[in-house]
Amino acid sequence: MATETRSREMRPSPEAPTPEDREFSFSSDDYAFLRAMLKEKSGIELGPTKQNMVYARLAKRLRKLGFKSFHQYIEFIGTPAGVDELGTTLNALTTNLTKFFRENHHFEHLGTAALQEIRGRAASQGRRLRIWSAGCSSGEEPYSIAITLLRAMPDIKQWDARILATDIDTEMVRRGNEGVYPATALEGMEPDIARKYFEPHGTDKVRLAAEARNLISFKHLNLIGNWPMKGPFDAIFCRNVVIYFDKDTQRVLFDRYANLLVPGGFLYIGHSENLFGITERFKLLGRNIHRKIA
């Protein structure tokens, strides 16, 4: 649909060949079709200058499948035989930029002020805690949430605590569920966190400890599609995701988030995002942390 978060920030792509040097023909009509398809299927809008990026990301698929042009590829993904390839196309066109504890002030707030309020509601609502990482990418954001809860809640085993992690990219969901990362992902992390919540896994890799993995359910979800979950959630993380949606889509999305949050629940969004002119159902608490008010 953005860790810390899925963030779905568009990274620079490897330089693509000029139209004259391209292996596959790729017309402006082909690009317009793929832009429209991505918008329809995921809500993500590609700018008019991303044609080289799209070519670079999909050329390998054309090569593997034996197509001679993007027109042939587009025709294929529109057939029943190309349904699975359509999912691969969407995965290729959505970028995942993420790391553990990105925008760490959000996790600090969750582990202090937010949990204090959630604990205060426990007497009337039972020891139930639900957090949603919407656009979880390869899992660094929900695992950062899990570690935050484990550190701040020594009594967490006495709670019904769960984290839902969703993403439109099926490969990211698979990787997040696996919980395996290169050892370099721990660079810059507090040593005590790295020691306690990560374990060696093969050569130059680490895996999240079972106590963190067991808190999270990874699911494939398109944010502009149907949502099977009922909530309510105490907090929702949706960071660096909606910058790729138009304003109308953002209005619908944040209204749906508000509907799934408990009264006073928290919404965490990315550093380049804001709710001004989008919704009046949240109050800004500071540093892209919002509280549901309606």
C-alpha atoms as a PDB file:
ATOM      1  CA  MET A   1       0.000   0.000   0.000  1.00  0.00           C
ATOM      2  CA  ALA A   2       6.190   2.052   4.319  1.00  0.00           C
ATOM      3  CA  THR A   3      11.205  -0.288  10.317  1.00  0.00           C
ATOM      4  CA  GLU A   4      10.915   0.606  11.532  1.00  0.00           C
ATOM      5  CA  THR A   5       8.141   0.735   9.043  1.00  0.00           C
ATOM      6  CA  ARG A   6       6.898  -1.001   5.856  1.00  0.00           C
ATOM      7  CA  SER A   7       7.866   1.962   4.794  1.00  0.00           C
ATOM      8  CA  ARG A   8       7.096   2.005   1.214  1.00  0.00           C
ATOM      9  CA  GLU A   9       9.500   4.712   0.219  1.00  0.00           C
ATOM     10  CA  MET A  10      10.671   4.664  -3.381  1.00  0.00           C
ATOM     11  CA  ARG A  11      14.397   4.099  -3.496  1.00  0.00           C
ATOM     12  CA  PRO A  12      16.465   5.036  -6.538  1.00  0.00           C
ATOM     13  CA  SER A  13      16.412   2.138  -8.974  1.00  0.00           C
ATOM     14  CA  PRO A  14      19.409   0.844 -10.864  1.00  0.00           C
ATOM     15  CA  GLU A  15      19.906   3.032 -13.892  1.00  0.00           C
ATOM     16  CA  ALA A  16      17.755   1.746 -16.734  1.00  0.00           C
ATOM     17  CA  PRO A  17      18.857   1.792 -20.366  1.00  0.00           C
ATOM     18  CA  THR A  18      17.668   4.555 -22.652  1.00  0.00           C
ATOM     19  CA  PRO A  19      14.664   3.743 -24.879  1.00  0.00           C
ATOM     20  CA  GLU A  20      17.024   3.250 -27.817  1.00  0.00           C
ATOM     21  CA  ASP A  21      19.098   0.667 -25.936  1.00  0.00           C
ATOM     22  CA  ARG A  22      16.301  -1.226 -24.216  1.00  0.00           C
ATOM     23  CA  GLU A  23      16.075  -4.960 -24.615  1.00  0.00           C
ATOM     24  CA  PHE A  24      12.266  -4.802 -24.568  1.00  0.00           C
ATOM     25  CA  SER A  25       9.994  -2.237 -26.171  1.00  0.00           C
ATOM     26  CA  PHE A  26       8.184  -0.189 -23.504  1.00  0.00           C
ATOM     27  CA  SER A  27       5.813   2.461 -24.816  1.00  0.00           C
ATOM     28  CA  SER A  28       4.220   5.365 -22.994  1.00  0.00           C
ATOM     29  CA  ASP A  29       0.901   3.513 -23.327  1.00  0.00           C
ATOM     30  CA  ASP A  30       2.442   0.464 -21.631  1.00  0.00           C
ATOM     31  CA  TYR A  31       3.615   2.646 -18.758  1.00  0.00           C
ATOM     32  CA  ALA A  32       0.242   4.392 -18.490  1.00  0.00           C
ATOM     33  CA  PHE A  33      -1.467   1.003 -18.227  1.00  0.00           C
ATOM     34  CA  LEU A  34       0.879  -0.198 -15.467  1.00  0.00           C
ATOM     35  CA  ARG A  35       0.452   3.075 -13.551  1.00  0.00           C
ATOM     36  CA  ALA A  36      -3.331   2.771 -13.735  1.00  0.00           C
ATOM     37  CA  MET A  37      -3.235  -0.898 -12.746  1.00  0.00           C
ATOM     38  CA  LEU A  38      -1.049  -0.214  -9.711  1.00  0.00           C
ATOM     39  CA  LYS A  39      -3.381   2.594  -8.623  1.00  0.00           C
ATOM     40  CA  GLU A  40      -6.454   0.385  -9.048  1.00  0.00           C
ATOM     41  CA  LYS A  41      -5.021  -2.675  -7.314  1.00  0.00           C
ATOM     42  CA  SER A  42      -3.058  -1.065  -4.477  1.00  0.00           C
ATOM     43  CA  GLY A  43      -3.928   2.631  -4.290  1.00  0.00           C
ATOM     44  CA  ILE A  44      -0.287   3.533  -4.988  1.00  0.00           C
ATOM     45  CA  GLU A  45       0.353   6.297  -7.495  1.00  0.00           C
ATOM     46  CA  LEU A  46       3.512   6.302  -9.603  1.00  0.00           C
ATOM     47  CA  GLY A  47       4.665   9.661 -10.878  1.00  0.00           C
ATOM     48  CA  PRO A  48       5.147  10.364 -14.578  1.00  0.00           C
ATOM     49  CA  THR A  49       8.932  10.142 -14.195  1.00  0.00           C
ATOM     50  CA  LYS A  50       9.110   6.552 -12.898  1.00  0.00           C
ATOM     51  CA  GLN A  51       9.103   4.797 -16.284  1.00  0.00           C
ATOM     52  CA  ASN A  52      12.786   3.807 -16.060  1.00  0.00           C
ATOM     53  CA  MET A  53      12.217   2.430 -12.562  1.00  0.00           C
ATOM     54  CA  VAL A  54       9.326   0.276 -13.768  1.00  0.00           C
ATOM     55  CA  TYR A  55      11.361  -0.977 -16.705  1.00  0.00           C
ATOM     56  CA  ALA A  56      14.284  -1.920 -14.463  1.00  0.00           C
ATOM     57  CA  ARG A  57      12.079  -3.812 -12.037  1.00  0.00           C
ATOM     58  CA  LEU A  58      10.040  -5.753 -14.577  1.00  0.00           C
ATOM     59  CA  ALA A  59      12.592  -6.469 -17.308  1.00  0.00           C
ATOM     60  CA  LYS A  60      13.835  -9.545 -15.450  1.00  0.00           C
ATOM     61  CA  ARG A  61      10.307 -10.956 -15.430  1.00  0.00           C
ATOM     62  CA  LEU A  62       9.940 -10.485 -19.187  1.00  0.00           C
ATOM     63  CA  ARG A  63      13.311 -12.142 -19.695  1.00  0.00           C
ATOM     64  CA  LYS A  64      12.394 -15.087 -17.484  1.00  0.00           C
ATOM     65  CA  LEU A  65       9.011 -15.616 -19.145  1.00  0.00           C
ATOM     66  CA  GLY A  66      10.327 -15.207 -22.675  1.00  0.00           C
ATOM     67  CA  PHE A  67       8.361 -12.130 -23.691  1.00  0.00           C
ATOM     68  CA  LYS A  68       9.693  -9.735 -26.310  1.00  0.00           C
ATOM     69  CA  SER A  69       7.847  -6.588 -25.229  1.00  0.00           C
ATOM     70  CA  PHE A  70       5.988  -5.036 -22.311  1.00  0.00           C
ATOM     71  CA  HIS A  71       2.845  -5.143 -24.418  1.00  0.00           C
ATOM     72  CA  GLN A  72       3.053  -8.952 -24.480  1.00  0.00           C
ATOM     73  CA  TYR A  73       3.660  -9.025 -20.731  1.00  0.00           C
ATOM     74  CA  ILE A  74       0.681  -6.760 -20.040  1.00  0.00           C
ATOM     75  CA  GLU A  75      -1.569  -8.932 -22.192  1.00  0.00           C
ATOM     76  CA  PHE A  76      -0.403 -12.006 -20.269  1.00  0.00           C
ATOM     77  CA  ILE A  77      -1.111 -10.634 -16.781  1.00  0.00           C
ATOM     78  CA  GLY A  78      -4.642  -9.856 -17.934  1.00  0.00           C
ATOM     79  CA  THR A  79      -5.384 -13.518 -18.703  1.00  0.00           C
ATOM     80  CA  PRO A  80      -6.436 -16.273 -16.264  1.00  0.00           C
ATOM     81  CA  ALA A  81      -3.004 -17.876 -16.768  1.00  0.00           C
ATOM     82  CA  GLY A  82      -1.343 -14.637 -15.648  1.00  0.00           C
ATOM     83  CA  VAL A  83      -3.164 -14.189 -12.333  1.00  0.00           C
ATOM     84  CA  ASP A  84      -0.184 -15.306 -10.248  1.00  0.00           C
ATOM     85  CA  GLU A  85       2.158 -13.152 -12.328  1.00  0.00           C
ATOM     86  CA  LEU A  86      -0.036 -10.129 -11.592  1.00  0.00           C
ATOM     87  CA  GLY A  87       0.812 -10.569  -7.910  1.00  0.00           C
ATOM     88  CA  THR A  88       4.498 -10.736  -8.805  1.00  0.00           C
ATOM     89  CA  THR A  89       4.122  -7.514 -10.791  1.00  0.00           C
ATOM     90  CA  LEU A  90       2.588  -5.699  -7.834  1.00  0.00           C
ATOM     91  CA  ASN A  91       5.337  -6.997  -5.539  1.00  0.00           C
ATOM     92  CA  ALA A  92       7.991  -5.715  -7.929  1.00  0.00           C
ATOM     93  CA  LEU A  93       6.474  -2.245  -8.148  1.00  0.00           C
ATOM     94  CA  THR A  94       6.090  -1.647  -4.420  1.00  0.00           C
ATOM     95  CA  THR A  95       9.327  -0.782  -2.641  1.00  0.00           C
ATOM     96  CA  ASN A  96      10.148  -1.722   0.926  1.00  0.00           C
ATOM     97  CA  LEU A  97      12.578   0.473   2.826  1.00  0.00           C
ATOM     98  CA  THR A  98      12.757  -0.351   6.488  1.00  0.00           C
ATOM     99  CA  LYS A  99      14.927  -0.980   9.525  1.00  0.00           C
ATOM    100  CA  PHE A 100      14.522  -1.818  13.195  1.00  0.00           C
ATOM    101  CA  PHE A 101      13.406   1.046  15.466  1.00  0.00           C
ATOM    102  CA  ARG A 102      13.210   3.568  12.676  1.00  0.00           C
ATOM    103  CA  GLU A 103      11.756   6.845  14.003  1.00  0.00           C
ATOM    104  CA  ASN A 104      12.459   5.491  17.465  1.00  0.00           C
ATOM    105  CA  HIS A 105      10.429   8.173  19.277  1.00  0.00           C
ATOM    106  CA  HIS A 106       7.291   6.274  18.250  1.00  0.00           C
ATOM    107  CA  PHE A 107       8.447   3.159  20.073  1.00  0.00           C
ATOM    108  CA  GLU A 108       9.497   5.228  23.071  1.00  0.00           C
ATOM    109  CA  HIS A 109       6.003   6.722  23.226  1.00  0.00           C
ATOM    110  CA  LEU A 110       4.394   3.302  22.838  1.00  0.00           C
ATOM    111  CA  GLY A 111       6.489   1.855  25.667  1.00  0.00           C
ATOM    112  CA  THR A 112       5.716   4.691  28.083  1.00  0.00           C
ATOM    113  CA  ALA A 113       2.730   7.009  27.620  1.00  0.00           C
ATOM    114  CA  ALA A 114       0.653   4.714  25.411  1.00  0.00           C
ATOM    115  CA  LEU A 115       1.105   1.610  27.558  1.00  0.00           C
ATOM    116  CA  GLN A 116       0.355   3.607  30.692  1.00  0.00           C
ATOM    117  CA  GLU A 117      -3.045   4.519  29.258  1.00  0.00           C
ATOM    118  CA  ILE A 118      -3.660   0.998  27.961  1.00  0.00           C
ATOM    119  CA  ARG A 119      -2.914  -0.405  31.412  1.00  0.00           C
ATOM    120  CA  GLY A 120      -5.331   2.124  32.860  1.00  0.00           C
ATOM    121  CA  ARG A 121      -8.107   0.719  30.672  1.00  0.00           C
ATOM    122  CA  ALA A 122      -7.270  -2.867  31.594  1.00  0.00           C
ATOM    123  CA  ALA A 123      -9.510  -2.904  34.659  1.00  0.00           C
ATOM    124  CA  SER A 124     -12.638  -2.278  32.603  1.00  0.00           C
ATOM    125  CA  GLN A 125     -11.652  -3.973  29.333  1.00  0.00           C
ATOM    126  CA  GLY A 126      -9.615  -6.917  30.536  1.00  0.00           C
ATOM    127  CA  ARG A 127      -5.933  -7.418  29.864  1.00  0.00           C
ATOM    128  CA  ARG A 128      -6.331  -7.265  26.107  1.00  0.00           C
ATOM    129  CA  LEU A 129      -3.796  -5.463  23.906  1.00  0.00           C
ATOM    130  CA  ARG A 130      -3.993  -5.192  20.119  1.00  0.00           C
ATOM    131  CA  ILE A 131      -1.625  -3.309  17.809  1.00  0.00           C
ATOM    132  CA  TRP A 132      -1.651  -3.230  14.015  1.00  0.00           C
ATOM    133  CA  SER A 133       1.397  -2.632  11.820  1.00  0.00           C
ATOM    134  CA  ALA A 134      -0.229  -1.650   8.518  1.00  0.00           C
ATOM    135  CA  GLY A 135       2.292  -1.880   5.703  1.00  0.00           C
ATOM    136  CA  CYS A 136       4.762  -3.939   7.711  1.00  0.00           C
ATOM    137  CA  SER A 137       7.258  -4.568   4.895  1.00  0.00           C
ATOM    138  CA  SER A 138       9.707  -7.343   5.840  1.00  0.00           C
ATOM    139  CA  GLY A 139       8.785  -7.202   9.515  1.00  0.00           C
ATOM    140  CA  GLU A 140      11.210  -4.817  11.181  1.00  0.00           C
ATOM    141  CA  GLU A 141       8.417  -2.538  12.392  1.00  0.00           C
ATOM    142  CA  PRO A 142       6.193  -5.169  14.065  1.00  0.00           C
ATOM    143  CA  TYR A 143       9.255  -6.824  15.608  1.00  0.00           C
ATOM    144  CA  SER A 144      10.310  -3.437  16.982  1.00  0.00           C
ATOM    145  CA  ILE A 145       6.811  -3.151  18.453  1.00  0.00           C
ATOM    146  CA  ALA A 146       7.076  -6.649  19.949  1.00  0.00           C
ATOM    147  CA  ILE A 147      10.447  -5.916  21.541  1.00  0.00           C
ATOM    148  CA  THR A 148       9.065  -2.648  22.929  1.00  0.00           C
ATOM    149  CA  LEU A 149       6.191  -4.521  24.582  1.00  0.00           C
ATOM    150  CA  LEU A 150       8.453  -7.238  25.967  1.00  0.00           C
ATOM    151  CA  ARG A 151      10.796  -4.661  27.511  1.00  0.00           C
ATOM    152  CA  ALA A 152       8.028  -2.482  28.948  1.00  0.00           C
ATOM    153  CA  MET A 153       5.688  -5.247  30.149  1.00  0.00           C
ATOM    154  CA  PRO A 154       7.363  -7.797  32.439  1.00  0.00           C
ATOM    155  CA  ASP A 155       3.872  -9.198  33.037  1.00  0.00           C
ATOM    156  CA  ILE A 156       3.039  -9.573  29.338  1.00  0.00           C
ATOM    157  CA  LYS A 157       2.317 -13.304  29.718  1.00  0.00           C
ATOM    158  CA  GLN A 158      -0.641 -12.322  31.868  1.00  0.00           C
ATOM    159  CA  TRP A 159      -2.072 -10.315  28.981  1.00  0.00           C
ATOM    160  CA  ASP A 160      -3.892 -11.264  25.815  1.00  0.00           C
ATOM    161  CA  ALA A 161      -1.414  -9.315  23.682  1.00  0.00           C
ATOM    162  CA  ARG A 162      -1.218  -9.643  19.892  1.00  0.00           C
ATOM    163  CA  ILE A 163       0.317  -7.687  17.016  1.00  0.00           C
ATOM    164  CA  LEU A 164      -1.173  -7.867  13.525  1.00  0.00           C
ATOM    165  CA  ALA A 165       1.349  -7.219  10.733  1.00  0.00           C
ATOM    166  CA  THR A 166       0.022  -6.803   7.185  1.00  0.00           C
ATOM    167  CA  ASP A 167       1.429  -5.923   3.783  1.00  0.00           C
ATOM    168  CA  ILE A 168       0.329  -6.076   0.160  1.00  0.00           C
ATOM    169  CA  ASP A 169       3.644  -7.687  -0.850  1.00  0.00           C
ATOM    170  CA  THR A 170       3.371 -11.434  -0.312  1.00  0.00           C
ATOM    171  CA  GLU A 171       7.143 -11.893  -0.357  1.00  0.00           C
ATOM    172  CA  MET A 172       7.528  -9.320   2.433  1.00  0.00           C
ATOM    173  CA  VAL A 173       4.890 -11.129   4.486  1.00  0.00           C
ATOM    174  CA  ARG A 174       6.760 -14.407   4.033  1.00  0.00           C
ATOM    175  CA  ARG A 175      10.065 -12.862   5.071  1.00  0.00           C
ATOM    176  CA  GLY A 176       8.524 -11.144   8.069  1.00  0.00           C
ATOM    177  CA  ASN A 177       6.929 -14.362   9.261  1.00  0.00           C
ATOM    178  CA  GLU A 178      10.285 -16.108   8.959  1.00  0.00           C
ATOM    179  CA  GLY A 179      11.930 -13.456  11.140  1.00  0.00           C
ATOM    180  CA  VAL A 180      15.423 -13.944   9.679  1.00  0.00           C
ATOM    181  CA  TYR A 181      17.632 -10.948   8.835  1.00  0.00           C
ATOM    182  CA  PRO A 182      21.231 -10.247   7.880  1.00  0.00           C
ATOM    183  CA  ALA A 183      23.433  -9.689  10.911  1.00  0.00           C
ATOM    184  CA  THR A 184      24.107  -6.174   9.628  1.00  0.00           C
ATOM    185  CA  ALA A 185      20.496  -5.296  10.562  1.00  0.00           C
ATOM    186  CA  LEU A 186      21.689  -5.094  14.172  1.00  0.00           C
ATOM    187  CA  GLU A 187      24.173  -2.306  13.464  1.00  0.00           C
ATOM    188  CA  GLY A 188      23.406   0.709  15.633  1.00  0.00           C
ATOM    189  CA  MET A 189      20.995  -1.226  17.845  1.00  0.00           C
ATOM    190  CA  GLU A 190      21.335  -1.125  21.622  1.00  0.00           C
ATOM    191  CA  PRO A 191      23.628  -4.047  22.541  1.00  0.00           C
ATOM    192  CA  ASP A 192      21.289  -5.406  25.214  1.00  0.00           C
ATOM    193  CA  ILE A 193      18.400  -5.547  22.714  1.00  0.00           C
ATOM    194  CA  ALA A 194      20.545  -7.318  20.137  1.00  0.00           C
ATOM    195  CA  ARG A 195      21.748  -9.878  22.689  1.00  0.00           C
ATOM    196  CA  LYS A 196      18.385 -10.610  24.263  1.00  0.00           C
ATOM    197  CA  TYR A 197      16.013 -10.637  21.296  1.00  0.00           C
ATOM    198  CA  PHE A 198      18.129 -11.969  18.414  1.00  0.00           C
ATOM    199  CA  GLU A 199      19.907 -15.294  18.002  1.00  0.00           C
ATOM    200  CA  PRO A 200      22.455 -16.489  15.412  1.00  0.00           C
ATOM    201  CA  HIS A 201      20.869 -18.186  12.421  1.00  0.00           C
ATOM    202  CA  GLY A 202      23.237 -19.691   9.882  1.00  0.00           C
ATOM    203  CA  THR A 203      26.035 -17.671   8.321  1.00  0.00           C
ATOM    204  CA  ASP A 204      25.881 -13.922   8.909  1.00  0.00           C
ATOM    205  CA  LYS A 205      22.191 -14.014   9.795  1.00  0.00           C
ATOM    206  CA  VAL A 206      20.094 -13.575  12.918  1.00  0.00           C
ATOM    207  CA  ARG A 207      16.568 -14.563  13.862  1.00  0.00           C
ATOM    208  CA  LEU A 208      14.137 -12.951  16.263  1.00  0.00           C
ATOM    209  CA  ALA A 209      13.725 -14.756  19.541  1.00  0.00           C
ATOM    210  CA  ALA A 210      10.612 -16.927  19.791  1.00  0.00           C
ATOM    211  CA  GLU A 211       9.027 -14.698  22.438  1.00  0.00           C
ATOM    212  CA  ALA A 212       8.967 -11.824  19.921  1.00  0.00           C
ATOM    213  CA  ARG A 213       7.869 -13.952  16.958  1.00  0.00           C
ATOM    214  CA  ASN A 214       5.018 -15.469  18.938  1.00  0.00           C
ATOM    215  CA  LEU A 215       3.400 -12.076  19.526  1.00  0.00           C
ATOM    216  CA  ILE A 216       2.901 -11.372  15.816  1.00  0.00           C
ATOM    217  CA  SER A 217       0.565 -12.647  13.114  1.00  0.00           C
ATOM    218  CA  PHE A 218       1.715 -11.801   9.588  1.00  0.00           C
ATOM    219  CA  LYS A 219      -1.028 -11.556   6.968  1.00  0.00           C
ATOM    220  CA  HIS A 220      -1.335 -10.455   3.351  1.00  0.00           C
ATOM    221  CA  LEU A 221      -3.647  -7.440   3.089  1.00  0.00           C
ATOM    222  CA  ASN A 222      -4.412  -4.781   0.500  1.00  0.00           C
ATOM    223  CA  LEU A 223      -5.237  -1.588   2.387  1.00  0.00           C
ATOM    224  CA  ILE A 224      -7.726  -0.458  -0.253  1.00  0.00           C
ATOM    225  CA  GLY A 225      -9.504  -3.822  -0.215  1.00  0.00           C
ATOM    226  CA  ASN A 226     -11.635  -5.595   2.362  1.00  0.00           C
ATOM    227  CA  TRP A 227     -10.400  -5.822   5.953  1.00  0.00           C
ATOM    228  CA  PRO A 228     -11.388  -9.082   7.655  1.00  0.00           C
ATOM    229  CA  MET A 229     -10.279  -8.016  11.137  1.00  0.00           C
ATOM    230  CA  LYS A 230     -12.793  -6.494  13.541  1.00  0.00           C
ATOM    231  CA  GLY A 231     -10.531  -4.791  16.056  1.00  0.00           C
ATOM    232  CA  PRO A 232     -10.603  -2.817  18.146  1.00  0.00           C
ATOM    233  CA  PHE A 233      -6.931  -1.846  18.200  1.00  0.00           C
ATOM    234  CA  ASP A 234      -5.191   0.120  20.919  1.00  0.00           C
ATOM    235  CA  ALA A 235      -2.659   1.493  18.419  1.00  0.00           C
ATOM    236  CA  ILE A 236      -2.077   1.455  14.675  1.00  0.00           C
ATOM    237  CA  PHE A 237       1.255   2.071  12.949  1.00  0.00           C
ATOM    238  CA  CYS A 238       0.886   3.210   9.327  1.00  0.00           C
ATOM    239  CA  ARG A 239       4.108   4.969   8.494  1.00  0.00           C
ATOM    240  CA  ASN A 240       5.443   6.100   5.130  1.00  0.00           C
ATOM    241  CA  VAL A 241       2.582   4.332   3.374  1.00  0.00           C
ATOM    242  CA  VAL A 242      -0.080   6.918   2.536  1.00  0.00           C
ATOM    243  CA  ILE A 243       2.368   9.251   0.782  1.00  0.00           C
ATOM    244  CA  TYR A 244       1.761   7.058  -2.270  1.00  0.00           C
ATOM    245  CA  PHE A 245      -2.024   7.475  -2.092  1.00  0.00           C
ATOM    246  CA  ASP A 246      -4.079  10.403  -3.367  1.00  0.00           C
ATOM    247  CA  LYS A 247      -5.963  12.581  -0.886  1.00  0.00           C
ATOM    248  CA  ASP A 248      -9.326  10.900  -1.417  1.00  0.00           C
ATOM    249  CA  THR A 249      -7.823   7.471  -0.742  1.00  0.00           C
ATOM    250  CA  GLN A 250      -6.113   8.841   2.361  1.00  0.00           C
ATOM    251  CA  ARG A 251      -9.410  10.209   3.690  1.00  0.00           C
ATOM    252  CA  VAL A 252     -11.084   6.836   3.337  1.00  0.00           C
ATOM    253  CA  LEU A 253      -8.119   5.009   4.856  1.00  0.00           C
ATOM    254  CA  PHE A 254      -7.803   7.185   7.963  1.00  0.00           C
ATOM    255  CA  ASP A 255     -11.544   7.045   8.528  1.00  0.00           C
ATOM    256  CA  ARG A 256     -11.327   3.248   8.480  1.00  0.00           C
ATOM    257  CA  TYR A 257      -8.409   3.356  10.913  1.00  0.00           C
ATOM    258  CA  ALA A 258     -10.405   5.544  13.295  1.00  0.00           C
ATOM    259  CA  ASN A 259     -13.302   3.106  13.140  1.00  0.00           C
ATOM    260  CA  LEU A 260     -11.022   0.256  14.267  1.00  0.00           C
ATOM    261  CA  LEU A 261      -9.284   2.115  17.106  1.00  0.00           C
ATOM    262  CA  VAL A 262     -10.528   2.138  20.684  1.00  0.00           C
ATOM    263  CA  PRO A 263     -11.623   5.545  22.004  1.00  0.00           C
ATOM    264  CA  GLY A 264      -8.399   7.427  22.654  1.00  0.00           C
ATOM    265  CA  GLY A 265      -6.372   4.924  20.647  1.00  0.00           C
ATOM    266  CA  PHE A 266      -3.088   5.942  19.048  1.00  0.00           C
ATOM    267  CA  LEU A 267      -2.125   6.349  15.385  1.00  0.00           C
ATOM    268  CA  TYR A 268       1.536   6.589  14.374  1.00  0.00           C
ATOM    269  CA  ILE A 269       2.325   7.933  10.885  1.00  0.00           C
ATOM    270  CA  GLY A 270       5.554   8.671   9.006  1.00  0.00           C
ATOM    271  CA  HIS A 271       7.738  11.750   9.360  1.00  0.00           C
ATOM    272  CA  SER A 272       6.754  13.081   5.912  1.00  0.00           C
ATOM    273  CA  GLU A 273       3.012  12.536   6.407  1.00  0.00           C
ATOM    274  CA  ASN A 274       0.309  14.607   8.084  1.00  0.00           C
ATOM    275  CA  LEU A 275      -3.451  14.542   8.550  1.00  0.00           C
ATOM    276  CA  PHE A 276      -4.078  18.233   7.802  1.00  0.00           C
ATOM    277  CA  GLY A 277      -7.091  18.549   5.532  1.00  0.00           C
ATOM    278  CA  ILE A 278      -7.536  14.759   5.536  1.00  0.00           C
ATOM    279  CA  THR A 279      -9.441  13.953   8.734  1.00  0.00           C
ATOM    280  CA  GLU A 280     -10.660  15.598  11.924  1.00  0.00           C
ATOM    281  CA  ARG A 281     -10.985  12.351  13.848  1.00  0.00           C
ATOM    282  CA  PHE A 282      -7.515  12.573  15.395  1.00  0.00           C
ATOM    283  CA  LYS A 283      -5.669  15.006  17.630  1.00  0.00           C
ATOM    284  CA  LEU A 284      -1.959  15.561  17.073  1.00  0.00           C
ATOM    285  CA  LEU A 285       0.053  14.796  20.204  1.00  0.00           C
ATOM    286  CA  GLY A 286       3.399  15.600  18.604  1.00  0.00           C
ATOM    287  CA  ARG A 287       6.011  14.103  16.275  1.00  0.00           C
ATOM    288  CA  ASN A 288       3.436  12.370  14.074  1.00  0.00           C
ATOM    289  CA  ILE A 289       1.672  10.697  16.997  1.00  0.00           C
ATOM    290  CA  HIS A 290      -2.110  11.089  16.966  1.00  0.00           C
ATOM    291  CA  ARG A 291      -4.967  10.209  19.295  1.00  0.00           C
ATOM    292  CA  LYS A 292      -8.421   9.194  18.117  1.00  0.00           C
ATOM    293  CA  ILE A 293     -10.990  11.737  19.303  1.00  0.00           C
ATOM    294  CA  ALA A 294     -14.063  10.685  17.322  1.00  0.00           C
END
